[in-house]
C-alpha cells in the first residue's frame, strides 16, 4: 500500500524479513485502524478494523488481488480482536499458500509473533479510541 495512505505508522520488527506495521487508514478503501504484516516485503496479511459491516482482512494480497475476507458485523474493537486471532492462528496458512518460495520457507518465531500481536492490539485500540471509533 502507498505509505502516504498510512498515517501515524508504527513498525514492530518481529525477525529478519518479518515486520508488522500498524497505522490509521483513510482512503478510498476505508477509514479506521489497520495493520499489515510483511514477509520478505510481501504483504501477507492486512487487517482493516473499520467496524460495522466493513471490518475485514486480506491475505497474500498480490496473488488474491486484494480480495476481502469480511468479519462478522461488530465494533472496531471486535474487529481488532478478530485480527489478533487471525494473525496468531492463521499466519502459517498465509505463508504456506504464498507463491513466493522465500515466504513459504519462513518460520516465524511464535513468541515474537505473540508479542507483536499484543502490541498491534494495543496500538489499534489506541487509534480507535483517539478517533472515536
Protein backbone atom coordinates (compact mmCIF):
# COMPACT_ATOMS: atom_id res chain seq x y z
CA UNK A 1 0.00 0.00 0.00
CA UNK A 2 1.14 3.54 -0.65
CA UNK A 3 2.92 4.70 2.51
CA UNK A 4 1.26 8.13 2.14
CA UNK A 5 -2.04 6.43 2.99
CA UNK A 6 -0.64 5.09 6.26
CA UNK A 7 -0.97 7.77 8.92
CA UNK A 8 0.84 7.52 12.28
CA UNK A 9 2.68 4.40 11.10
CA UNK A 10 4.37 2.30 13.81
CA UNK A 11 6.59 -0.65 12.90
CA UNK A 12 7.11 -3.76 15.02
CA UNK A 13 10.03 -5.82 13.67
CA UNK A 14 9.47 -9.48 14.50
CA UNK A 15 12.59 -11.03 12.99
CA UNK A 16 14.68 -10.73 9.83
CA UNK A 17 12.39 -10.18 6.84
CA UNK A 18 9.23 -10.07 9.00
CA UNK A 19 7.72 -6.75 10.09
CA UNK A 20 4.30 -5.73 11.37
CA UNK A 21 3.03 -2.22 10.58
CA UNK A 22 0.16 -0.58 12.47
CA UNK A 23 -1.40 2.62 11.18
CA UNK A 24 -4.52 4.72 10.68
CA UNK A 25 -6.03 4.33 7.23
CA UNK A 26 -8.24 6.89 5.50
CA UNK A 27 -8.58 6.43 1.75
CA UNK A 28 -10.95 5.07 -0.90
CA UNK A 29 -10.55 1.57 0.56
CA UNK A 30 -11.81 2.54 4.00
CA UNK A 31 -11.26 4.50 7.18
CA UNK A 32 -10.03 3.20 10.52
CA UNK A 33 -7.28 1.37 12.38
CA UNK A 34 -5.31 -1.02 10.18
CA UNK A 35 -2.24 -3.24 10.20
CA UNK A 36 -0.10 -5.10 7.68
CA UNK A 37 2.33 -7.99 8.09
CA UNK A 38 5.17 -8.14 5.58
CA UNK A 39 7.35 -11.19 4.99
CA UNK A 40 10.20 -10.65 2.53
CA UNK A 41 8.49 -7.37 1.57
CA UNK A 42 5.33 -9.26 0.56
CA UNK A 43 2.15 -8.13 2.34
CA UNK A 44 0.85 -11.50 3.57
CA UNK A 45 -1.82 -10.08 5.89
CA UNK A 46 -3.70 -6.79 6.06
CA UNK A 47 -6.25 -6.08 8.78
CA UNK A 48 -8.80 -3.30 8.25
CA UNK A 49 -10.65 -2.73 11.52
CA UNK A 50 -13.31 -0.35 10.25
CA UNK A 51 -16.19 -1.59 12.39
CA UNK A 52 -19.83 -2.04 11.38
CA UNK A 53 -20.09 -4.33 8.37
CA UNK A 54 -16.80 -3.08 6.88
CA UNK A 55 -14.19 -4.86 9.04
CA UNK A 56 -12.15 -7.36 7.05
CA UNK A 57 -8.75 -8.81 6.34
CA UNK A 58 -6.75 -9.74 3.27
CA UNK A 59 -4.18 -12.47 2.91
CA UNK A 60 -1.46 -12.76 0.28
CA UNK A 61 -2.65 -9.52 -1.27
CA UNK A 62 -0.76 -9.70 -4.54
CA UNK A 63 -1.95 -13.13 -5.52
CA UNK A 64 -5.53 -12.69 -4.27
CA UNK A 65 -5.73 -9.25 -5.91
CA UNK A 66 -6.88 -7.61 -2.68
CA UNK A 67 -9.99 -9.72 -2.18
CA UNK A 68 -11.57 -9.17 1.25
CA UNK A 69 -12.38 -11.74 3.95
CA UNK A 70 -15.12 -9.97 5.92
CA UNK A 71 -15.56 -10.18 9.68
CA UNK A 72 -18.95 -10.53 11.37
CA UNK A 73 -20.63 -7.15 11.86
CA UNK A 74 -19.29 -5.54 15.01
CA UNK A 75 -17.31 -2.74 16.61
CA UNK A 76 -13.81 -1.69 15.69
CA UNK A 77 -12.65 -3.34 18.95
CA UNK A 78 -14.26 -6.64 17.89
CA UNK A 79 -12.53 -6.31 14.50
CA UNK A 80 -9.23 -5.71 16.30
CA UNK A 81 -9.66 -8.80 18.49
CA UNK A 82 -10.53 -10.86 15.41
CA UNK A 83 -7.43 -9.53 13.64
CA UNK A 84 -5.21 -10.56 16.54
CA UNK A 85 -6.75 -14.04 16.41
CA UNK A 86 -6.20 -14.30 12.63
CA UNK A 87 -2.57 -13.20 12.93
CA UNK A 88 -1.75 -15.64 15.73
CA UNK A 89 -3.65 -18.65 14.35
CA UNK A 90 -3.65 -18.36 10.56
CA UNK A 91 -0.24 -16.98 9.67
CA UNK A 92 1.08 -20.48 8.79
CA UNK A 93 -1.70 -20.80 6.18
CA UNK A 94 -0.73 -17.45 4.65
CA UNK A 95 2.91 -18.40 4.50
CA UNK A 96 2.49 -21.88 3.03
CA UNK A 97 -0.02 -20.75 0.39
CA UNK A 98 2.04 -17.76 -0.75
CA UNK A 99 3.51 -18.06 -4.25
CA UNK A 100 6.89 -16.67 -3.14
CA UNK A 101 9.16 -19.56 -2.14
CA UNK A 102 11.10 -17.40 0.33
CA UNK A 103 7.82 -16.56 2.11
CA UNK A 104 6.76 -20.24 2.11
CA UNK A 105 10.01 -21.26 3.82
CA UNK A 106 9.83 -18.57 6.52
CA UNK A 107 9.29 -19.84 10.05
CA UNK A 108 8.09 -17.06 12.32
CA UNK A 109 9.18 -17.14 15.95
CA UNK A 110 5.92 -17.70 17.84
CA UNK A 111 6.98 -15.85 20.98
CA UNK A 112 7.94 -12.76 18.98
CA UNK A 113 4.76 -13.03 16.92
CA UNK A 114 2.69 -13.20 20.10
CA UNK A 115 4.44 -10.11 21.47
CA UNK A 116 3.96 -8.18 18.22
CA UNK A 117 0.29 -9.23 18.00
CA UNK A 118 -0.30 -7.88 21.51
CA UNK A 119 1.48 -4.62 20.60
CA UNK A 120 -0.65 -4.42 17.46
CA UNK A 121 -3.80 -4.85 19.53
CA UNK A 122 -2.80 -2.08 21.93
CA UNK A 123 -1.91 0.40 19.18
CA UNK A 124 -5.03 -0.37 17.12
CA UNK A 125 -7.20 0.15 20.22
CA UNK A 126 -5.37 3.42 20.90
CA UNK A 127 -6.10 4.63 17.34
CA UNK A 128 -9.74 3.57 17.61
CA UNK A 129 -10.13 5.34 20.96
CA UNK A 130 -8.36 8.55 19.87
CA UNK A 131 -10.55 8.86 16.81
CA UNK A 132 -13.82 7.85 18.43
CA UNK A 133 -14.19 4.56 16.61
